[in-house]
Amino acid sequence: MSRLPHVRLTFGSRRRAPPSLAFLASTDDVFEEFEETERTMTHNVTATIDESRVEAFAGKVVQEAGGALNAALVVIGDRLGLWRAMGDGEPVTSQLAARTGTHERYVREWLGAQAAGGYVTYEPDGDSYTLPPEEAPCRVC
């Protein structure tokens, strides 16, 4: 049978009860002063950390954050007609801005972000971007 910690009540004090023991106080002139007479037990836990699992989890967090941030760019691409203009599967460069009536610099930045997220493929020899034909039906509305 385990013993509970000893609680000593002091009556006649004008101090208020601590919030954790306020339910014991029935009037303002009651204060509960408590002390533990039992030993406090501590338990130390030593865990072995698998570095590959830590790296995998960190990669997952970064991937989720990147996906969340890129979601707005996907919507912008849809609203500006960028996905539809790329729907033919032909590589595009700055002519995508001319096709959609948008600013070339913003389209370049948008394309770079979509390539980094894996939504379009980048071809460095032609400095062009392509929407893979397998993904076009999902992107072109």
Protein backbone atom coordinates (compact mmCIF):
# COMPACT_ATOMS: atom_id res chain seq x y z
CA MET A 1 0.00 0.00 0.00
CA SER A 2 1.49 3.35 -1.01
CA ARG A 3 1.29 6.39 1.19
CA LEU A 4 -0.01 9.71 -0.06
CA PRO A 5 2.01 12.87 0.57
CA HIS A 6 1.26 14.46 3.92
CA VAL A 7 -0.74 17.69 3.81
CA ARG A 8 -0.65 20.00 6.81
CA LEU A 9 -3.44 22.58 7.12
CA THR A 10 -2.80 25.82 8.97
CA PHE A 11 -5.86 27.74 10.17
CA GLY A 12 -6.12 31.38 11.12
CA SER A 13 -3.79 32.77 8.46
CA ARG A 14 -4.94 35.66 6.25
CA ARG A 15 -3.13 34.25 3.18
CA ARG A 16 -5.10 32.69 0.36
CA ALA A 17 -4.76 29.08 -0.75
CA PRO A 18 -2.64 28.35 -3.80
CA PRO A 19 -4.76 27.84 -6.94
CA SER A 20 -4.06 24.11 -6.98
CA LEU A 21 -5.52 23.73 -3.47
CA ALA A 22 -8.20 26.43 -3.65
CA PHE A 23 -10.93 23.79 -3.63
CA LEU A 24 -9.98 22.99 -0.01
CA ALA A 25 -10.47 26.56 1.23
CA SER A 26 -13.98 27.34 2.39
CA THR A 27 -13.28 30.80 3.87
CA ASP A 28 -10.72 33.55 3.48
CA ASP A 29 -9.03 32.75 6.78
CA VAL A 30 -7.97 29.23 5.74
CA PHE A 31 -4.63 28.59 4.12
CA GLU A 32 -3.33 25.19 3.16
CA GLU A 33 0.35 24.77 3.60
CA PHE A 34 1.57 21.47 2.34
CA GLU A 35 4.78 19.57 2.42
CA GLU A 36 5.64 16.20 1.06
CA THR A 37 7.03 13.76 3.53
CA GLU A 38 7.54 11.07 0.90
CA ARG A 39 10.64 10.95 -1.27
CA THR A 40 10.29 12.36 -4.75
CA MET A 41 11.15 9.69 -7.27
CA THR A 42 12.86 10.59 -10.51
CA HIS A 43 13.21 8.41 -13.53
CA ASN A 44 15.86 9.13 -16.12
CA VAL A 45 15.18 7.91 -19.62
CA THR A 46 17.98 7.49 -22.09
CA ALA A 47 16.88 7.18 -25.70
CA THR A 48 18.94 6.14 -28.66
CA ILE A 49 18.32 8.42 -31.61
CA ASP A 50 18.44 7.02 -35.12
CA GLU A 51 19.99 9.80 -37.23
CA SER A 52 18.51 8.44 -40.46
CA ARG A 53 14.99 8.75 -38.99
CA VAL A 54 15.73 12.30 -37.85
CA GLU A 55 16.90 13.21 -41.36
CA ALA A 56 13.86 11.52 -42.93
CA PHE A 57 11.53 13.44 -40.63
CA ALA A 58 13.29 16.75 -41.32
CA GLY A 59 12.98 16.05 -45.05
CA LYS A 60 9.28 15.38 -44.62
CA VAL A 61 8.79 18.68 -42.74
CA VAL A 62 10.63 20.62 -45.45
CA GLN A 63 8.64 18.88 -48.18
CA GLU A 64 5.33 19.65 -46.47
CA ALA A 65 6.29 23.29 -45.92
CA GLY A 66 7.39 23.62 -49.54
CA GLY A 67 4.12 22.11 -50.75
CA ALA A 68 2.11 24.47 -48.59
CA LEU A 69 4.01 27.51 -49.84
CA ASN A 70 3.78 26.41 -53.48
CA ALA A 71 0.01 25.89 -53.30
CA ALA A 72 -0.55 29.62 -53.79
CA LEU A 73 1.70 29.58 -56.85
CA VAL A 74 -0.26 26.70 -58.36
CA VAL A 75 -3.47 28.72 -57.96
CA ILE A 76 -1.81 31.82 -59.45
CA GLY A 77 -0.68 29.76 -62.42
CA ASP A 78 -4.23 28.57 -62.93
CA ARG A 79 -5.77 32.03 -62.65
CA LEU A 80 -3.24 33.61 -65.01
CA GLY A 81 -3.65 30.81 -67.57
CA LEU A 82 -0.02 29.70 -67.29
CA TRP A 83 -0.93 26.02 -66.93
CA ARG A 84 -3.30 26.14 -69.89
CA ALA A 85 -0.65 27.85 -72.04
CA MET A 86 1.79 25.04 -71.18
CA GLY A 87 -0.80 22.33 -71.82
CA ASP A 88 0.44 21.55 -75.33
CA GLY A 89 3.58 19.92 -73.90
CA GLU A 90 5.95 22.13 -75.87
CA PRO A 91 8.96 23.62 -74.05
CA VAL A 92 8.44 27.24 -73.05
CA THR A 93 10.76 30.08 -72.13
CA SER A 94 9.94 33.76 -72.01
CA GLN A 95 7.28 33.33 -74.71
CA LEU A 96 4.96 32.02 -71.96
CA ALA A 97 4.69 35.59 -70.68
CA ALA A 98 3.77 36.83 -74.16
CA ARG A 99 1.17 34.07 -74.57
CA THR A 100 -0.53 34.93 -71.29
CA GLY A 101 -0.03 38.71 -71.21
CA THR A 102 1.97 38.61 -67.99
CA HIS A 103 5.29 40.14 -66.97
CA GLU A 104 8.28 38.08 -68.14
CA ARG A 105 10.25 38.33 -64.90
CA TYR A 106 7.33 37.08 -62.79
CA VAL A 107 6.75 34.18 -65.17
CA ARG A 108 10.46 33.25 -64.97
CA GLU A 109 10.25 33.25 -61.14
CA TRP A 110 7.05 31.23 -61.26
CA LEU A 111 8.58 28.68 -63.62
CA GLY A 112 11.66 28.35 -61.40
CA ALA A 113 9.48 27.69 -58.36
CA GLN A 114 7.40 25.12 -60.25
CA ALA A 115 10.56 23.36 -61.45
CA ALA A 116 11.97 23.31 -57.89
CA GLY A 117 8.71 21.78 -56.67
CA GLY A 118 8.74 19.16 -59.44
CA TYR A 119 5.61 20.47 -61.17
CA VAL A 120 7.40 21.20 -64.45
CA THR A 121 10.69 19.93 -65.84
CA TYR A 122 13.61 22.23 -66.55
CA GLU A 123 15.83 21.65 -69.58
CA PRO A 124 19.10 23.54 -69.04
CA ASP A 125 20.45 23.14 -72.60
CA GLY A 126 17.53 25.12 -74.02
CA ASP A 127 16.80 27.08 -70.84
CA SER A 128 13.21 25.97 -71.18
CA TYR A 129 10.46 24.41 -69.09
CA THR A 130 8.01 21.68 -70.01
CA LEU A 131 4.79 20.51 -68.46
CA PRO A 132 4.97 16.70 -68.72
CA PRO A 133 2.12 15.33 -70.87
CA GLU A 134 1.14 12.90 -68.09
CA GLU A 135 0.52 15.83 -65.74
CA ALA A 136 -1.17 18.18 -68.19
CA PRO A 137 -4.71 16.80 -67.68
CA CYS A 138 -4.37 17.46 -63.94
CA ARG A 139 -3.10 21.01 -64.36
CA VAL A 140 -4.93 22.35 -67.40
CA CYS A 141 -8.46 23.39 -66.54
